[in-house]
């Protein structure tokens, strides 16, 4: 009798954990990853092409806001949640959009520093922190090894980052 109750409770908690991961963690991670990685190329291309922290900040801000709006709508319109169990589409869209904005704006903020070299060094550090934080979230909630998660996230970030530097230096 007690074993049956314990099994039902464990199944309920597993479903709640799965729902939490699908509704909140997955959508947040999606947004952070997209915001962090998709804004790298335009941000660093602008920094290397212009050498202007003001222009770079404005481009980074525009990229982060645009990516947040785009990802929010994409996630919110992807499904109504009934088929996938991923919850309310408005909430998912809002979470994804906000996380995308945060992921893109964090490494843009250093360009408020008026010295481009210093801003670049600070932004490099922020990008490293962002990618490690995303790797940790994937490790913690998606049963991945931290090393594999970090390698995947850092490889994706490095490819986009490199493309931005190459384009900006052309």
Protein backbone atom coordinates (compact mmCIF):
# COMPACT_ATOMS: atom_id res chain seq x y z
CA UNK A 1 0.00 0.00 0.00
CA UNK A 2 2.69 2.50 1.04
CA UNK A 3 4.88 1.44 -1.88
CA UNK A 4 2.01 2.19 -4.29
CA UNK A 5 1.50 5.65 -2.80
CA UNK A 6 5.24 6.36 -2.94
CA UNK A 7 5.36 5.23 -6.59
CA UNK A 8 2.41 7.50 -7.50
CA UNK A 9 4.06 10.42 -5.70
CA UNK A 10 7.37 9.78 -7.48
CA UNK A 11 5.62 9.65 -10.88
CA UNK A 12 3.78 12.89 -10.10
CA UNK A 13 7.05 14.63 -9.14
CA UNK A 14 8.76 13.32 -12.30
CA UNK A 15 5.91 14.74 -14.43
CA UNK A 16 6.18 18.06 -12.58
CA UNK A 17 9.96 18.09 -13.09
CA UNK A 18 9.49 17.31 -16.79
CA UNK A 19 6.87 20.05 -17.11
CA UNK A 20 9.14 22.55 -15.36
CA UNK A 21 12.03 21.67 -17.66
CA UNK A 22 9.87 21.84 -20.81
CA UNK A 23 8.03 25.04 -19.92
CA UNK A 24 10.72 27.10 -18.22
CA UNK A 25 14.24 25.69 -18.43
CA UNK A 26 14.13 24.65 -22.09
CA UNK A 27 12.62 27.94 -23.25
CA UNK A 28 15.04 29.98 -21.14
CA UNK A 29 18.04 28.00 -22.37
CA UNK A 30 16.85 28.36 -25.97
CA UNK A 31 16.62 32.12 -25.55
CA UNK A 32 19.93 32.53 -23.73
CA UNK A 33 21.73 30.43 -26.32
CA UNK A 34 20.20 32.26 -29.26
CA UNK A 35 20.75 35.69 -27.73
CA UNK A 36 24.30 34.94 -26.70
CA UNK A 37 25.40 33.36 -29.96
CA UNK A 38 23.32 35.09 -32.66
CA UNK A 39 24.40 38.58 -31.62
CA UNK A 40 28.13 37.79 -31.50
CA UNK A 41 28.81 38.16 -35.23
CA UNK A 42 27.15 41.57 -35.74
CA UNK A 43 28.53 42.92 -32.46
CA UNK A 44 32.15 41.94 -33.00
CA UNK A 45 32.06 42.63 -36.75
CA UNK A 46 30.96 46.18 -35.92
CA UNK A 47 33.62 46.61 -33.23
CA UNK A 48 36.40 45.46 -35.54
CA UNK A 49 35.09 47.34 -38.60
CA UNK A 50 34.41 50.68 -36.94
CA UNK A 51 36.49 50.78 -33.76
CA UNK A 52 33.60 52.77 -32.28
CA UNK A 53 32.12 51.67 -28.97
CA UNK A 54 29.03 53.84 -29.51
CA UNK A 55 28.21 52.32 -32.92
CA UNK A 56 29.01 48.83 -31.61
CA UNK A 57 26.71 49.34 -28.63
CA UNK A 58 23.87 50.52 -30.86
CA UNK A 59 24.30 47.56 -33.23
CA UNK A 60 24.44 45.14 -30.28
CA UNK A 61 21.36 46.72 -28.73
CA UNK A 62 19.46 46.50 -32.01
CA UNK A 63 20.56 42.88 -32.53
CA UNK A 64 19.56 41.88 -28.97
CA UNK A 65 16.16 43.60 -29.11
CA UNK A 66 15.45 42.29 -32.61
CA UNK A 67 16.49 38.75 -31.67
CA UNK A 68 14.36 38.90 -28.50
CA UNK A 69 11.26 39.96 -30.42
CA UNK A 70 11.88 37.42 -33.18
CA UNK A 71 12.52 34.51 -30.81
CA UNK A 72 9.58 35.46 -28.59
CA UNK A 73 7.20 35.33 -31.54
CA UNK A 74 8.82 32.18 -32.97
CA UNK A 75 8.47 30.29 -29.71
CA UNK A 76 5.00 31.62 -28.95
CA UNK A 77 3.68 30.72 -32.39
CA UNK A 78 5.43 27.33 -32.66
CA UNK A 79 2.60 25.37 -30.99
CA UNK A 80 -0.20 25.88 -28.50
CA UNK A 81 1.41 23.53 -25.97
CA UNK A 82 -1.31 20.87 -26.07
CA UNK A 83 0.60 18.50 -28.34
CA UNK A 84 4.05 18.91 -26.82
CA UNK A 85 3.09 19.60 -23.20
CA UNK A 86 5.28 22.69 -23.23
CA UNK A 87 2.67 24.96 -21.70
CA UNK A 88 1.08 28.28 -22.54
CA UNK A 89 2.46 29.73 -25.80
CA UNK A 90 2.29 33.34 -24.57
CA UNK A 91 4.31 32.50 -21.46
CA UNK A 92 6.85 30.44 -23.45
CA UNK A 93 7.22 33.25 -25.98
CA UNK A 94 7.70 35.84 -23.25
CA UNK A 95 10.30 33.71 -21.45
CA UNK A 96 12.19 32.94 -24.66
CA UNK A 97 12.08 36.54 -25.87
CA UNK A 98 13.28 37.94 -22.56
CA UNK A 99 16.04 35.32 -22.24
CA UNK A 100 17.16 36.08 -25.81
CA UNK A 101 17.31 39.78 -25.01
CA UNK A 102 19.34 39.09 -21.86
CA UNK A 103 21.68 36.73 -23.72
CA UNK A 104 22.33 39.37 -26.38
CA UNK A 105 22.54 42.43 -24.17
CA UNK A 106 25.02 41.13 -21.60
CA UNK A 107 28.02 41.17 -23.94
CA UNK A 108 26.75 44.42 -25.53
CA UNK A 109 26.89 46.39 -22.26
CA UNK A 110 30.72 46.50 -22.14
CA UNK A 111 30.59 48.75 -25.21
CA UNK A 112 29.33 51.52 -22.97
CA UNK A 113 33.01 51.75 -21.99
CA UNK A 114 34.49 54.45 -24.24
CA UNK A 115 37.77 52.59 -24.95
CA UNK A 116 37.24 49.94 -27.63
CA UNK A 117 40.14 47.67 -26.59
CA UNK A 118 39.00 47.57 -22.96
CA UNK A 119 35.37 47.06 -24.05
CA UNK A 120 36.44 44.15 -26.27
CA UNK A 121 38.35 42.45 -23.43
CA UNK A 122 35.42 42.84 -21.04
CA UNK A 123 32.99 41.59 -23.71
CA UNK A 124 35.23 38.54 -24.37
CA UNK A 125 35.02 37.70 -20.66
CA UNK A 126 31.26 38.18 -20.58
CA UNK A 127 30.84 35.89 -23.59
CA UNK A 128 32.94 33.23 -21.85
CA UNK A 129 30.78 33.52 -18.72
CA UNK A 130 27.57 33.32 -20.79
CA UNK A 131 28.68 30.20 -22.62
CA UNK A 132 29.78 28.48 -19.41
CA UNK A 133 26.47 29.40 -17.72
CA UNK A 134 24.52 27.91 -20.63
CA UNK A 135 26.70 24.81 -20.46
CA UNK A 136 25.96 24.47 -16.76
CA UNK A 137 22.20 24.81 -17.29
CA UNK A 138 22.34 22.10 -19.97
CA UNK A 139 24.41 19.90 -17.64
CA UNK A 140 22.08 20.47 -14.69
CA UNK A 141 18.71 20.02 -16.37
CA UNK A 142 19.32 17.93 -19.50
CA UNK A 143 21.46 15.11 -18.07
CA UNK A 144 24.52 15.94 -20.16
CA UNK A 145 28.13 15.78 -19.13
CA UNK A 146 29.39 19.28 -18.38
CA UNK A 147 32.41 18.77 -20.62
CA UNK A 148 30.30 17.69 -23.63
CA UNK A 149 27.86 20.54 -23.05
CA UNK A 150 30.68 23.08 -22.78
CA UNK A 151 32.38 21.76 -25.92
CA UNK A 152 29.16 21.98 -27.93
CA UNK A 153 28.20 25.45 -26.71
CA UNK A 154 31.71 26.87 -26.98
CA UNK A 155 32.20 25.41 -30.47
CA UNK A 156 28.98 27.07 -31.68
CA UNK A 157 29.93 30.36 -30.04
CA UNK A 158 33.48 30.21 -31.42
CA UNK A 159 32.26 29.66 -34.98
CA UNK A 160 29.91 32.66 -34.84
CA UNK A 161 32.47 34.80 -32.99
CA UNK A 162 35.17 33.99 -35.57
CA UNK A 163 32.84 34.83 -38.45
CA UNK A 164 32.14 38.23 -36.87
CA UNK A 165 35.82 39.01 -36.45
CA UNK A 166 36.67 37.88 -40.01
CA UNK A 167 33.82 39.89 -41.53
CA UNK A 168 34.61 42.94 -39.41
CA UNK A 169 38.29 42.79 -40.30
CA UNK A 170 37.69 42.45 -44.06
